[in-house]
Amino acid sequence: MSRLILLSMMLFSFITAITAQNHLSELPADHDAPELIKPDVILPEIPKTTPDLPRYPNALKNSFTLNKQSQGEVLDSLIYSTGTELIKEIFTFTAEGNIEEQTIQKQNPQTLAWDNSSRNSYTYDDEGRLEIRLLEEWSADSSKWINSWLYTNSYDAQGNVIYYLLQYWDDQDMVFKNNNRYFYNYNDQNKLISYGNQRWSTDLQDWVKEWQSSYTFNNDLISSSLYEYWDISTGEYLSANRQTYQYTNSWKKEYILVETWNKTTQSWTNSRQNFYTYDENDHLSLYEYQIWYNDQWENSQRQEFIFTAENLLLSFKILYWDSNNQEWVYNNAQIYTYDENGYLSELIKQRWGSSQSWINDLRETYTFDSTGYFIGKQSQSWDENLSDWLNKGLYTYTRNTNNQILSFLYQTWDTGNNTWVNSVLETYEYTPGGHLSYYNVSQWGGSDWQPYFSPVFFNYDEIIRTTYYCAELTAYYHSVTGISDRENTPRVFSLYQNYPNPFNPATSIEYRLSRGGFVTIRVYNTLGQEVAVLVNQNKTAGKHSVTFDAGHLSSGMYIYKMSVDERIISVKKMMLLR
């Protein structure tokens, strides 16, 4: 049975790739859910241990997604090589644009014919929510499809997924049998308050609980989380660990306490605690991490940040606690420099030396085109003997008029000949509608380019989003005339990231509705104060967009939230840079 469970877990990623029910925010550390179809609810964001480092404006965004100006191209198939096999994936879609069937075939090296391998079939309810996925394997002996796995979702009246059931096909009894399931519970505000796992016991012919995570809220923020495991001997959930959260007035985490349950003393025992300090512009300036050791808190790690008023990170330093000398000791640092447009121009990485001073380690310089798209990077390493920077790597991008990447060339420095030497080359081609149609990656063999296998992220209209590990990928499409039903009646509620982002002073926000309803889109500052109402009226099903003009607002981070019929659909962030 363990082999079957492992197989099922490997297949989860494809479900998450094609479902639009993905509005579940990051859960607290140590309580990550398996790769599941996410409930269509919003959990408040739990920031990561360290903040995101600067994101290059429009940089490195692999523009493989559908060009927003294009319509009328439907994906038929993908062909790619894994190095040992040539694989074809064939797709069909419903009129609403949901994936209906995915068939995987492998080319026979002797006959060059395409042989069936596996097939996924998808069924949706009247609201366009994924109800059933059936996985079948091709039997060459009997020349027919054989059932393998069945995945079923159940929803409540509000559209929240409440059960995710996995069943495997029993060849002997010719029936699907229970394997395991995940359950979800919500409060009156449709917030996820608990989820967990149960496995099917063939001996008991009943579901056996395994674990669950539960949450309490203070307004829209998680105030605590609890992880419990099921004890068969006592017939109850037993505590394992819990986390308690505190936040600033601007919704940012300020303190996290992690505790574990001590079975011997039957009490909670401290494990670790995190502290977060912010500057006058509400940017993270200090993070400290402590562990519970010998019945007292002991320092472990410290991170220091310096931001500009425009939220550009200038420096990032990591320190570790020296328990012998009872003092903080520097470990490494990163220094950032920006050009007049606010684009990252230089990054220097340093390490703390035995001479109690900073020693250069690596330098990266960045190049952007006139529209702000990333087109190049050069890396250099520090030579302590020469006290100088030495070339290391050169990254060069070319783009088309739609700013989609056409090629990426990575070169290394030949110190003997003082010249750049080819290393890896990626090339891309696109359809007239802006879809990725061809991808190739090669490695320089000294005299010519040779196949080189690398991951490539493929995104088809947000319906199929997955990563393929290959040296070459070809995508085939067919054209349709007019505006398809898929564009007119999307089967889910979706709020998309504003574009451009960062912006100054206006940006566009696109959203889609599976049915008509009363829509509100409100904008808040980081203090939680409402600064704009962009939409507050009934809207019909379909695709819509609204423009947010922030000409009267100051630079900084803003949050926008969409609700449909008073139900929160999604919350996203955007950055205003003046």
Protein backbone atom coordinates (compact mmCIF):
# COMPACT_ATOMS: atom_id res chain seq x y z
CA MET A 1 0.00 0.00 0.00
CA SER A 2 2.87 2.43 0.71
CA ARG A 3 3.92 2.30 -2.94
CA LEU A 4 0.41 3.26 -4.01
CA ILE A 5 0.28 6.11 -1.54
CA LEU A 6 3.60 7.41 -2.82
CA LEU A 7 2.30 7.27 -6.37
CA SER A 8 -0.79 9.21 -5.41
CA MET A 9 1.22 11.91 -3.69
CA MET A 10 3.37 12.33 -6.80
CA LEU A 11 0.25 12.94 -8.82
CA PHE A 12 -1.13 15.67 -6.58
CA SER A 13 0.99 18.35 -8.24
CA PHE A 14 -0.89 18.08 -11.51
CA ILE A 15 -4.22 18.62 -9.78
CA THR A 16 -2.97 21.76 -8.15
CA ALA A 17 -1.57 22.89 -11.49
CA ILE A 18 -4.91 22.83 -13.29
CA THR A 19 -7.31 23.85 -10.52
CA ALA A 20 -8.18 27.44 -9.85
CA GLN A 21 -9.16 26.70 -6.26
CA ASN A 22 -5.80 27.93 -5.06
CA HIS A 23 -6.48 30.84 -2.77
CA LEU A 24 -5.23 29.18 0.42
CA SER A 25 -2.35 31.31 1.69
CA GLU A 26 0.84 29.90 3.16
CA LEU A 27 0.23 27.97 6.37
CA PRO A 28 2.47 28.28 9.41
CA ALA A 29 5.77 26.42 9.33
CA ASP A 30 5.72 22.80 10.43
CA HIS A 31 2.06 22.47 9.48
CA ASP A 32 2.24 22.44 5.70
CA ALA A 33 -0.65 20.63 4.09
CA PRO A 34 0.06 17.99 1.47
CA GLU A 35 -0.22 19.09 -2.15
CA LEU A 36 -4.00 19.27 -2.34
CA ILE A 37 -6.72 21.12 -4.11
CA LYS A 38 -6.83 24.23 -1.98
CA PRO A 39 -10.12 25.43 -0.52
CA ASP A 40 -11.43 28.65 -2.03
CA VAL A 41 -10.88 30.66 1.15
CA ILE A 42 -8.40 33.19 2.42
CA LEU A 43 -6.08 32.55 5.31
CA PRO A 44 -4.11 35.59 6.49
CA GLU A 45 -0.58 35.57 5.25
CA ILE A 46 2.00 34.26 7.67
CA PRO A 47 5.23 35.99 6.61
CA LYS A 48 8.28 33.87 6.04
CA THR A 49 11.20 33.78 8.42
CA THR A 50 12.98 36.36 6.33
CA PRO A 51 11.34 38.86 3.99
CA ASP A 52 11.50 38.54 0.26
CA LEU A 53 14.69 40.02 -1.13
CA PRO A 54 14.29 42.72 -3.76
CA ARG A 55 12.43 41.53 -6.79
CA TYR A 56 13.88 42.93 -9.96
CA PRO A 57 11.26 45.14 -11.65
CA ASN A 58 9.73 43.04 -14.44
CA ALA A 59 12.89 40.93 -14.24
CA LEU A 60 13.30 37.24 -14.78
CA LYS A 61 9.57 36.92 -15.21
CA ASN A 62 9.48 34.08 -17.68
CA SER A 63 6.88 35.39 -20.08
CA PHE A 64 5.52 32.02 -21.11
CA THR A 65 1.98 32.98 -20.13
CA LEU A 66 -0.78 34.00 -22.51
CA ASN A 67 -0.31 37.47 -23.89
CA LYS A 68 -3.17 39.50 -22.44
CA GLN A 69 -3.87 40.96 -25.89
CA SER A 70 -4.34 37.55 -27.49
CA GLN A 71 -7.33 35.25 -27.75
CA GLY A 72 -8.39 32.25 -29.74
CA GLU A 73 -5.55 29.75 -29.31
CA VAL A 74 -6.32 26.43 -27.68
CA LEU A 75 -3.59 24.01 -26.59
CA ASP A 76 -3.69 20.63 -28.33
CA SER A 77 -0.54 18.86 -27.20
CA LEU A 78 2.99 19.05 -25.86
CA ILE A 79 5.96 16.97 -26.99
CA TYR A 80 9.14 16.86 -24.94
CA SER A 81 12.14 14.65 -24.32
CA THR A 82 13.25 13.47 -20.90
CA GLY A 83 16.57 12.17 -22.20
CA THR A 84 15.48 8.55 -22.24
CA GLU A 85 11.94 8.95 -23.60
CA LEU A 86 9.99 11.14 -25.99
CA ILE A 87 6.64 12.02 -24.40
CA LYS A 88 3.47 13.53 -25.79
CA GLU A 89 0.69 15.03 -23.69
CA ILE A 90 -2.66 15.52 -25.46
CA PHE A 91 -5.28 17.86 -23.99
CA THR A 92 -8.97 18.50 -24.47
CA PHE A 93 -10.94 21.25 -22.75
CA THR A 94 -14.55 21.96 -21.89
CA ALA A 95 -16.37 24.86 -23.52
CA GLU A 96 -15.75 26.80 -20.31
CA GLY A 97 -12.00 26.29 -20.59
CA ASN A 98 -11.49 23.66 -17.90
CA ILE A 99 -9.20 20.80 -18.73
CA GLU A 100 -11.31 17.77 -19.61
CA GLU A 101 -8.79 15.11 -20.49
CA GLN A 102 -5.02 14.69 -20.50
CA THR A 103 -3.53 11.69 -22.27
CA ILE A 104 0.15 10.84 -21.93
CA GLN A 105 1.82 8.86 -24.70
CA LYS A 106 5.39 7.66 -25.18
CA GLN A 107 7.10 7.15 -28.52
CA ASN A 108 8.14 3.62 -29.34
CA PRO A 109 11.83 3.83 -30.31
CA GLN A 110 11.48 0.92 -32.76
CA THR A 111 8.25 1.79 -34.57
CA LEU A 112 8.28 5.54 -33.79
CA ALA A 113 4.55 5.16 -33.06
CA TRP A 114 2.96 6.88 -30.07
CA ASP A 115 1.90 4.33 -27.42
CA ASN A 116 -0.63 5.20 -24.75
CA SER A 117 0.73 5.41 -21.20
CA SER A 118 -1.76 7.07 -18.84
CA ARG A 119 -4.86 9.24 -18.95
CA ASN A 120 -6.47 11.75 -16.60
CA SER A 121 -10.17 12.59 -16.98
CA TYR A 122 -11.79 15.50 -15.11
CA THR A 123 -15.40 16.14 -14.12
CA TYR A 124 -16.76 19.44 -12.80
CA ASP A 125 -19.91 20.47 -10.94
CA ASP A 126 -22.36 23.15 -12.08
CA GLU A 127 -20.19 25.87 -10.53
CA GLY A 128 -17.12 24.73 -12.41
CA ARG A 129 -15.43 23.20 -9.37
CA LEU A 130 -13.36 20.08 -9.92
CA GLU A 131 -15.34 17.12 -8.59
CA ILE A 132 -13.61 14.02 -9.92
CA ARG A 133 -10.28 13.13 -11.44
CA LEU A 134 -9.86 9.63 -12.80
CA LEU A 135 -6.39 8.28 -13.50
CA GLU A 136 -6.11 5.32 -15.86
CA GLU A 137 -3.12 3.31 -17.04
CA TRP A 138 -2.88 1.81 -20.52
CA SER A 139 -2.64 -1.99 -20.71
CA ALA A 140 -0.73 -3.02 -23.81
CA ASP A 141 -1.69 -6.66 -23.25
CA SER A 142 -5.43 -6.04 -23.29
CA SER A 143 -5.26 -2.86 -25.41
CA LYS A 144 -7.55 -0.93 -23.08
CA TRP A 145 -7.49 1.60 -20.27
CA ILE A 146 -7.30 0.20 -16.74
CA ASN A 147 -8.52 2.17 -13.73
CA SER A 148 -5.79 3.25 -11.33
CA TRP A 149 -6.77 6.07 -8.97
CA LEU A 150 -9.91 8.11 -8.33
CA TYR A 151 -9.79 11.54 -6.68
CA THR A 152 -13.07 13.07 -5.47
CA ASN A 153 -13.81 16.49 -3.96
CA SER A 154 -16.89 17.35 -1.92
CA TYR A 155 -18.05 20.93 -1.31
CA ASP A 156 -20.37 22.62 1.16
CA ALA A 157 -23.17 25.06 0.28
CA GLN A 158 -20.70 27.97 0.27
CA GLY A 159 -18.41 26.25 -2.22
CA ASN A 160 -15.72 25.30 0.29
CA VAL A 161 -14.09 21.92 -0.24
CA ILE A 162 -14.80 19.74 2.79
CA TYR A 163 -13.41 16.37 1.70
CA TYR A 164 -10.71 15.25 -0.68
CA LEU A 165 -10.95 11.49 -1.17
CA LEU A 166 -8.35 9.17 -2.72
CA GLN A 167 -9.34 5.70 -3.87
CA TYR A 168 -7.35 3.03 -5.67
CA TRP A 169 -8.58 0.42 -8.13
CA ASP A 170 -8.64 -3.16 -6.90
CA ASP A 171 -8.13 -5.45 -9.92
CA GLN A 172 -9.34 -8.49 -8.06
CA ASP A 173 -12.63 -7.09 -6.77
CA MET A 174 -13.00 -4.74 -9.76
CA VAL A 175 -13.96 -1.79 -7.59
CA PHE A 176 -12.42 1.42 -6.25
CA LYS A 177 -11.43 1.11 -2.62
CA ASN A 178 -10.78 3.82 -0.06
CA ASN A 179 -7.20 4.82 0.59
CA ASN A 180 -7.14 8.10 2.50
CA ARG A 181 -8.95 11.43 2.62
CA TYR A 182 -8.40 14.98 3.81
CA PHE A 183 -11.12 16.94 5.60
CA TYR A 184 -11.63 20.70 6.00
CA ASN A 185 -13.75 22.66 8.47
CA TYR A 186 -14.75 26.34 8.30
CA ASN A 187 -16.30 28.94 10.56
CA ASP A 188 -19.24 31.21 9.73
CA GLN A 189 -16.91 33.60 7.86
CA ASN A 190 -15.70 30.76 5.62
CA LYS A 191 -12.28 30.79 7.22
CA LEU A 192 -10.53 27.44 7.34
CA ILE A 193 -10.32 26.54 11.04
CA SER A 194 -9.06 22.97 10.76
CA TYR A 195 -7.94 20.36 8.27
CA GLY A 196 -6.52 16.88 8.64
CA ASN A 197 -5.95 13.43 7.26
CA GLN A 198 -7.71 10.09 7.69
CA ARG A 199 -6.73 6.69 6.30
CA TRP A 200 -8.98 3.77 5.50
CA SER A 201 -8.54 0.68 7.67
CA THR A 202 -9.38 -2.54 5.83
CA ASP A 203 -9.42 -4.36 9.16
CA LEU A 204 -11.92 -2.00 10.77
CA GLN A 205 -13.68 -1.13 7.52
CA ASP A 206 -13.75 2.44 8.73
CA TRP A 207 -11.82 5.69 8.57
CA VAL A 208 -8.97 6.04 11.07
CA LYS A 209 -7.85 9.52 12.03
CA GLU A 210 -4.16 10.38 11.69
CA TRP A 211 -3.55 14.09 12.30
CA GLN A 212 -5.17 17.52 12.16
CA SER A 213 -4.18 21.18 12.28
CA SER A 214 -6.52 23.80 13.69
CA TYR A 215 -6.48 27.61 13.83
CA THR A 216 -7.92 30.43 15.90
CA PHE A 217 -8.36 33.94 14.58
CA ASN A 218 -8.24 37.48 15.86
CA ASN A 219 -10.19 39.40 13.24
CA ASP A 220 -8.57 38.32 9.96
CA LEU A 221 -5.27 37.17 11.45
CA ILE A 222 -4.33 33.76 12.77
CA SER A 223 -3.68 34.06 16.50
CA SER A 224 -2.72 30.43 17.10
CA SER A 225 -2.28 27.10 15.34
CA LEU A 226 -2.31 23.63 16.82
CA TYR A 227 -1.03 20.37 15.35
CA GLU A 228 -2.39 17.13 16.83
CA TYR A 229 -2.02 13.45 16.03
CA TRP A 230 -4.54 10.71 16.62
CA ASP A 231 -3.73 8.20 19.36
CA ILE A 232 -5.43 4.88 18.60
CA SER A 233 -4.99 3.58 22.15
CA THR A 234 -6.80 6.50 23.78
CA GLY A 235 -9.14 7.27 20.90
CA GLU A 236 -8.42 11.00 20.95
CA TYR A 237 -6.24 13.65 19.42
CA LEU A 238 -3.04 14.32 21.34
CA SER A 239 -1.20 17.61 21.10
CA ALA A 240 2.13 17.73 19.31
CA ASN A 241 3.02 21.38 18.87
CA ARG A 242 1.41 24.79 18.69
CA GLN A 243 2.28 28.28 17.53
CA THR A 244 1.09 31.62 18.86
CA TYR A 245 1.21 34.80 16.77
CA GLN A 246 1.24 38.50 17.56
CA TYR A 247 1.02 41.29 14.96
CA THR A 248 1.67 44.99 14.63
CA ASN A 249 -1.10 47.47 13.90
CA SER A 250 -0.20 47.20 10.23
CA TRP A 251 -0.92 43.44 10.08
CA LYS A 252 2.72 42.40 10.11
CA LYS A 253 3.93 39.62 12.37
CA GLU A 254 5.72 40.82 15.45
CA TYR A 255 6.20 37.69 17.53
CA ILE A 256 5.86 33.90 17.12
CA LEU A 257 6.09 31.40 19.93
CA VAL A 258 6.48 27.68 19.13
CA GLU A 259 5.79 25.12 21.83
CA THR A 260 5.84 21.32 21.95
CA TRP A 261 3.76 19.09 24.16
CA ASN A 262 5.69 17.27 26.88
CA LYS A 263 4.09 13.86 27.47
CA THR A 264 5.95 13.36 30.73
CA THR A 265 4.92 16.59 32.42
CA GLN A 266 1.66 16.86 30.47
CA SER A 267 2.38 20.50 29.73
CA TRP A 268 3.53 22.78 26.96
CA THR A 269 7.29 23.27 26.66
CA ASN A 270 8.93 26.18 24.91
CA SER A 271 10.71 25.36 21.64
CA ARG A 272 11.58 28.57 19.83
CA GLN A 273 10.48 32.18 19.49
CA ASN A 274 10.89 34.78 16.77
CA PHE A 275 10.92 38.57 17.17
CA TYR A 276 10.36 41.09 14.36
CA THR A 277 11.15 44.80 14.55
CA TYR A 278 10.19 47.43 11.94
CA ASP A 279 11.57 50.86 11.07
CA GLU A 280 9.66 54.13 10.86
CA ASN A 281 8.50 53.22 7.34
CA ASP A 282 7.16 49.86 8.56
CA HIS A 283 9.92 47.88 6.86
CA LEU A 284 11.48 44.93 8.66
CA SER A 285 14.70 46.07 10.28
CA LEU A 286 15.51 43.28 12.73
CA TYR A 287 14.68 39.59 13.08
CA GLU A 288 15.84 37.53 16.05
CA TYR A 289 15.49 33.80 16.55
CA GLN A 290 15.83 32.13 19.95
CA ILE A 291 15.67 28.48 21.06
CA TRP A 292 14.70 27.01 24.42
CA TYR A 293 17.75 25.37 25.95
CA ASN A 294 18.42 24.26 29.54
CA ASP A 295 15.12 25.78 30.67
CA GLN A 296 15.93 29.22 29.33
CA TRP A 297 15.87 31.17 26.09
CA GLU A 298 19.14 31.26 24.20
CA ASN A 299 19.94 33.44 21.20
CA SER A 300 20.47 31.61 17.93
CA GLN A 301 20.30 33.85 14.86
CA ARG A 302 19.85 37.52 14.09
CA GLN A 303 19.17 39.25 10.78
CA GLU A 304 19.51 42.98 10.19
CA PHE A 305 17.85 44.85 7.31
CA ILE A 306 18.12 48.39 6.03
CA PHE A 307 15.48 49.65 3.58
CA THR A 308 14.95 52.92 1.79
CA ALA A 309 11.67 54.79 2.24
CA GLU A 310 10.61 53.29 -1.11
CA ASN A 311 11.02 49.77 0.30
CA LEU A 312 14.25 49.01 -1.55
CA LEU A 313 16.54 46.77 0.47
CA LEU A 314 19.98 48.31 0.92
CA SER A 315 21.64 45.71 3.11
CA PHE A 316 20.98 42.35 4.71
CA LYS A 317 23.26 40.90 7.39
CA ILE A 318 23.16 37.57 9.24
CA LEU A 319 24.62 37.10 12.71
CA TYR A 320 24.95 33.98 14.87
CA TRP A 321 25.15 33.79 18.64
CA ASP A 322 28.50 32.89 20.14
CA SER A 323 27.49 31.09 23.34
CA ASN A 324 31.08 30.94 24.59
CA ASN A 325 31.63 34.70 24.43
CA GLN A 326 27.95 35.56 24.84
CA GLU A 327 27.88 37.89 21.86
CA TRP A 328 26.51 38.20 18.35
CA VAL A 329 29.00 37.39 15.57
CA TYR A 330 28.58 38.47 11.97
CA ASN A 331 28.43 35.70 9.37
CA ASN A 332 27.57 37.12 5.94
CA ALA A 333 26.05 40.18 4.33
CA GLN A 334 24.49 41.37 1.09
CA ILE A 335 24.72 44.99 -0.11
CA TYR A 336 22.34 46.32 -2.79
CA THR A 337 22.68 49.31 -5.12
CA TYR A 338 19.99 50.72 -7.42
CA ASP A 339 19.98 53.02 -10.44
CA GLU A 340 17.98 56.23 -10.85
CA ASN A 341 14.92 54.21 -11.93
CA GLY A 342 14.96 52.08 -8.81
CA TYR A 343 16.22 48.98 -10.62
CA LEU A 344 18.79 46.80 -8.91
CA SER A 345 22.17 47.56 -10.45
CA GLU A 346 24.62 45.81 -8.14
CA LEU A 347 24.61 43.14 -5.44
CA ILE A 348 27.72 42.44 -3.36
CA LYS A 349 27.90 39.40 -1.10
CA GLN A 350 30.38 39.46 1.77
CA ARG A 351 31.50 37.16 4.59
CA TRP A 352 32.86 38.02 8.00
CA GLY A 353 36.58 37.26 8.21
CA SER A 354 38.86 36.20 11.06
CA SER A 355 40.28 39.73 11.02
CA GLN A 356 36.90 40.93 12.30
CA SER A 357 36.11 42.73 9.06
CA TRP A 358 33.99 42.16 5.98
CA ILE A 359 35.59 40.29 3.06
CA ASN A 360 34.16 40.48 -0.44
CA ASP A 361 32.90 37.22 -1.86
CA LEU A 362 30.69 37.75 -4.93
CA ARG A 363 29.49 40.69 -7.00
CA GLU A 364 26.61 40.73 -9.48
CA THR A 365 25.80 43.64 -11.79
CA TYR A 366 22.42 43.87 -13.53
CA THR A 367 21.30 45.39 -16.81
CA PHE A 368 17.78 46.44 -17.80
CA ASP A 369 16.39 47.73 -21.07
CA SER A 370 14.65 51.09 -21.48
CA THR A 371 11.29 49.61 -20.45
CA GLY A 372 12.62 48.08 -17.25
CA TYR A 373 12.96 44.46 -18.32
CA PHE A 374 15.94 42.46 -17.12
CA ILE A 375 18.34 41.63 -19.98
CA GLY A 376 21.66 40.76 -18.37
CA LYS A 377 23.74 39.94 -15.32
CA GLN A 378 27.47 39.59 -14.77
CA SER A 379 28.92 37.80 -11.75
CA GLN A 380 32.42 38.23 -10.38
CA SER A 381 34.29 36.58 -7.52
CA TRP A 382 36.73 38.35 -5.21
CA ASP A 383 40.41 37.43 -5.36
CA GLU A 384 41.98 38.21 -1.99
CA ASN A 385 45.53 37.91 -3.33
CA LEU A 386 44.91 40.41 -6.12
CA SER A 387 42.40 42.48 -4.13
CA ASP A 388 40.30 42.65 -7.25
CA TRP A 389 37.14 41.29 -8.82
CA LEU A 390 37.55 38.45 -11.35
CA ASN A 391 34.97 37.59 -13.96
CA LYS A 392 32.91 34.49 -13.26
CA GLY A 393 29.62 34.28 -15.19
CA LEU A 394 27.71 36.28 -17.81
CA TYR A 395 23.93 36.01 -18.30
CA THR A 396 22.41 37.55 -21.43
CA TYR A 397 18.73 37.73 -22.39
CA THR A 398 17.03 38.82 -25.61
CA ARG A 399 13.34 39.65 -25.80
CA ASN A 400 10.71 40.21 -28.47
CA THR A 401 8.49 43.28 -28.81
CA ASN A 402 6.12 41.78 -26.21
CA ASN A 403 9.06 41.51 -23.78
CA GLN A 404 8.93 37.72 -23.88
CA ILE A 405 12.28 35.98 -23.58
CA LEU A 406 13.66 34.80 -26.92
CA SER A 407 17.01 33.54 -25.72
CA PHE A 408 19.11 33.14 -22.62
CA LEU A 409 22.87 32.63 -22.87
CA TYR A 410 25.07 31.74 -19.92
CA GLN A 411 28.84 32.09 -20.38
CA THR A 412 31.79 31.48 -18.06
CA TRP A 413 35.11 33.33 -17.97
CA ASP A 414 38.19 31.65 -19.40
CA THR A 415 41.05 33.07 -17.34
CA GLY A 416 43.68 31.59 -19.65
CA ASN A 417 42.38 33.32 -22.79
CA ASN A 418 40.67 36.26 -21.04
CA THR A 419 37.42 35.69 -22.86
CA TRP A 420 33.86 34.56 -22.25
CA VAL A 421 33.15 30.92 -23.15
CA ASN A 422 29.72 29.56 -24.01
CA SER A 423 28.12 27.28 -21.43
CA VAL A 424 24.29 27.02 -21.67
CA LEU A 425 21.87 28.39 -24.28
CA GLU A 426 18.07 28.50 -24.04
CA THR A 427 15.86 29.58 -26.95
CA TYR A 428 12.12 30.25 -27.04
CA GLU A 429 9.51 30.69 -29.75
CA TYR A 430 5.91 31.89 -29.46
CA THR A 431 2.67 31.73 -31.37
CA PRO A 432 1.07 34.89 -32.80
CA GLY A 433 -1.16 34.84 -29.74
CA GLY A 434 1.77 34.90 -27.36
CA HIS A 435 1.85 31.28 -26.18
CA LEU A 436 5.10 29.41 -25.81
CA SER A 437 5.41 27.12 -28.83
CA TYR A 438 9.02 25.91 -28.64
CA TYR A 439 11.75 25.65 -26.02
CA ASN A 440 15.27 24.32 -26.42
CA VAL A 441 18.22 24.20 -24.03
CA SER A 442 21.75 23.20 -25.04
CA GLN A 443 25.16 22.93 -23.43
CA TRP A 444 28.35 23.96 -25.20
CA GLY A 445 30.48 20.92 -25.95
CA GLY A 446 33.62 22.78 -27.03
CA SER A 447 32.81 22.94 -30.73
CA ASP A 448 29.01 22.70 -30.93
CA TRP A 449 25.82 22.85 -28.87
CA GLN A 450 24.59 19.58 -27.34
CA PRO A 451 21.28 18.73 -25.61
CA TYR A 452 21.15 19.77 -21.99
CA PHE A 453 18.26 18.86 -19.70
CA SER A 454 16.83 21.62 -17.57
CA PRO A 455 13.48 22.50 -15.94
CA VAL A 456 11.16 24.82 -17.89
CA PHE A 457 7.96 26.27 -16.47
CA PHE A 458 4.98 26.02 -18.83
CA ASN A 459 1.88 28.14 -18.24
CA TYR A 460 -1.11 27.86 -20.53
CA ASP A 461 -3.70 30.54 -19.72
CA GLU A 462 -3.41 29.74 -15.98
CA ILE A 463 -5.14 26.40 -16.68
CA ILE A 464 -2.06 24.23 -17.03
CA ARG A 465 0.86 25.38 -14.91
CA THR A 466 3.63 22.86 -14.51
CA THR A 467 7.38 22.39 -14.82
CA TYR A 468 8.87 20.00 -17.37
CA TYR A 469 12.42 18.68 -17.13
CA CYS A 470 13.58 18.41 -20.71
CA ALA A 471 16.02 19.57 -23.37
CA GLU A 472 13.33 20.41 -25.91
CA LEU A 473 9.61 21.11 -25.73
CA THR A 474 7.14 21.80 -28.54
CA ALA A 475 3.57 22.97 -27.96
CA TYR A 476 0.82 22.72 -30.60
CA TYR A 477 -2.34 24.82 -30.67
CA HIS A 478 -5.40 25.28 -32.83
CA SER A 479 -7.14 28.57 -33.50
CA VAL A 480 -10.74 29.42 -32.78
CA THR A 481 -12.65 32.36 -34.19
CA GLY A 482 -14.36 34.96 -32.08
CA ILE A 483 -14.31 35.17 -28.33
CA SER A 484 -14.71 31.73 -26.85
CA ASP A 485 -17.06 30.78 -24.05
CA ARG A 486 -13.94 30.16 -22.01
CA GLU A 487 -13.21 33.88 -22.10
CA ASN A 488 -16.82 34.86 -21.45
CA THR A 489 -17.78 32.53 -18.61
CA PRO A 490 -14.87 31.48 -16.48
CA ARG A 491 -15.74 28.76 -14.02
CA VAL A 492 -14.08 30.25 -10.96
CA PHE A 493 -13.75 33.58 -9.16
CA SER A 494 -10.25 34.92 -9.77
CA LEU A 495 -8.42 38.09 -8.78
CA TYR A 496 -5.19 38.60 -10.70
CA GLN A 497 -2.00 40.45 -9.83
CA ASN A 498 -2.11 44.09 -10.87
CA TYR A 499 -0.08 45.12 -13.91
CA PRO A 500 2.32 46.81 -13.99
CA ASN A 501 3.68 46.14 -10.53
CA PRO A 502 5.47 48.11 -9.15
CA PHE A 503 3.49 51.01 -10.69
CA ASN A 504 3.42 54.80 -10.86
CA PRO A 505 0.84 56.20 -10.61
CA ALA A 506 -1.79 53.91 -12.22
CA THR A 507 -2.16 50.17 -12.57
CA SER A 508 -4.75 47.75 -13.95
CA ILE A 509 -6.42 44.98 -11.94
CA GLU A 510 -8.15 42.13 -13.76
CA TYR A 511 -10.69 39.76 -12.23
CA ARG A 512 -13.00 37.01 -13.45
CA LEU A 513 -16.39 35.83 -12.21
CA SER A 514 -17.96 32.41 -12.71
CA ARG A 515 -21.39 33.95 -12.09
CA GLY A 516 -22.86 37.35 -11.52
CA GLY A 517 -22.81 38.88 -8.06
CA PHE A 518 -22.16 41.97 -5.97
CA VAL A 519 -18.43 42.66 -6.28
CA THR A 520 -16.30 44.88 -4.08
CA ILE A 521 -12.61 45.60 -4.58
CA ARG A 522 -11.10 47.76 -1.86
CA VAL A 523 -7.55 49.04 -1.38
CA TYR A 524 -5.87 49.38 2.03
CA ASN A 525 -2.57 50.76 3.24
CA THR A 526 -0.31 48.72 5.51
CA LEU A 527 -2.04 50.23 8.57
CA GLY A 528 -5.28 48.60 7.49
CA GLN A 529 -6.88 51.91 6.51
CA GLU A 530 -9.10 51.91 3.42
CA VAL A 531 -7.72 54.27 0.77
CA ALA A 532 -9.89 53.45 -2.25
CA VAL A 533 -12.98 51.55 -3.37
CA LEU A 534 -12.45 50.41 -6.96
CA VAL A 535 -15.58 48.30 -7.45
CA ASN A 536 -18.79 48.28 -5.40
CA GLN A 537 -21.64 47.06 -7.59
CA ASN A 538 -23.28 44.08 -9.25
CA LYS A 539 -21.22 42.54 -12.04
CA THR A 540 -22.08 39.94 -14.64
CA ALA A 541 -20.15 36.70 -15.15
CA GLY A 542 -17.03 37.07 -17.25
CA LYS A 543 -13.74 38.94 -17.35
CA HIS A 544 -13.49 42.48 -15.99
CA SER A 545 -10.76 44.98 -15.23
CA VAL A 546 -10.48 48.19 -13.25
CA THR A 547 -7.82 50.90 -13.12
CA PHE A 548 -6.40 52.09 -9.81
CA ASP A 549 -5.00 55.64 -9.94
CA ALA A 550 -2.78 56.21 -6.91
CA GLY A 551 -1.68 59.69 -7.89
CA HIS A 552 -2.79 61.05 -4.51
CA LEU A 553 -1.02 58.39 -2.45
CA SER A 554 2.55 58.06 -1.20
CA SER A 555 4.99 55.34 -2.19
CA GLY A 556 4.73 52.04 -0.41
CA MET A 557 2.95 48.70 -0.17
CA TYR A 558 -0.82 48.52 -0.62
CA ILE A 559 -3.26 45.65 -0.26
CA TYR A 560 -6.32 45.05 -2.43
CA LYS A 561 -9.13 42.67 -1.57
CA MET A 562 -11.98 41.33 -3.70
CA SER A 563 -15.25 40.02 -2.27
CA VAL A 564 -18.23 38.56 -4.11
CA ASP A 565 -21.57 38.63 -2.28
CA GLU A 566 -19.68 39.52 0.92
CA ARG A 567 -17.46 36.47 0.61
CA ILE A 568 -13.72 37.19 0.48
CA ILE A 569 -12.27 35.75 -2.72
CA SER A 570 -8.67 36.90 -2.71
CA VAL A 571 -6.23 39.38 -1.18
CA LYS A 572 -3.10 40.58 -2.99
CA LYS A 573 -0.33 43.13 -2.54
CA MET A 574 0.96 45.82 -4.89
CA MET A 575 3.78 48.33 -4.75
CA LEU A 576 3.57 52.04 -5.60
CA LEU A 577 7.01 53.47 -6.46
CA ARG A 578 7.37 57.15 -7.26
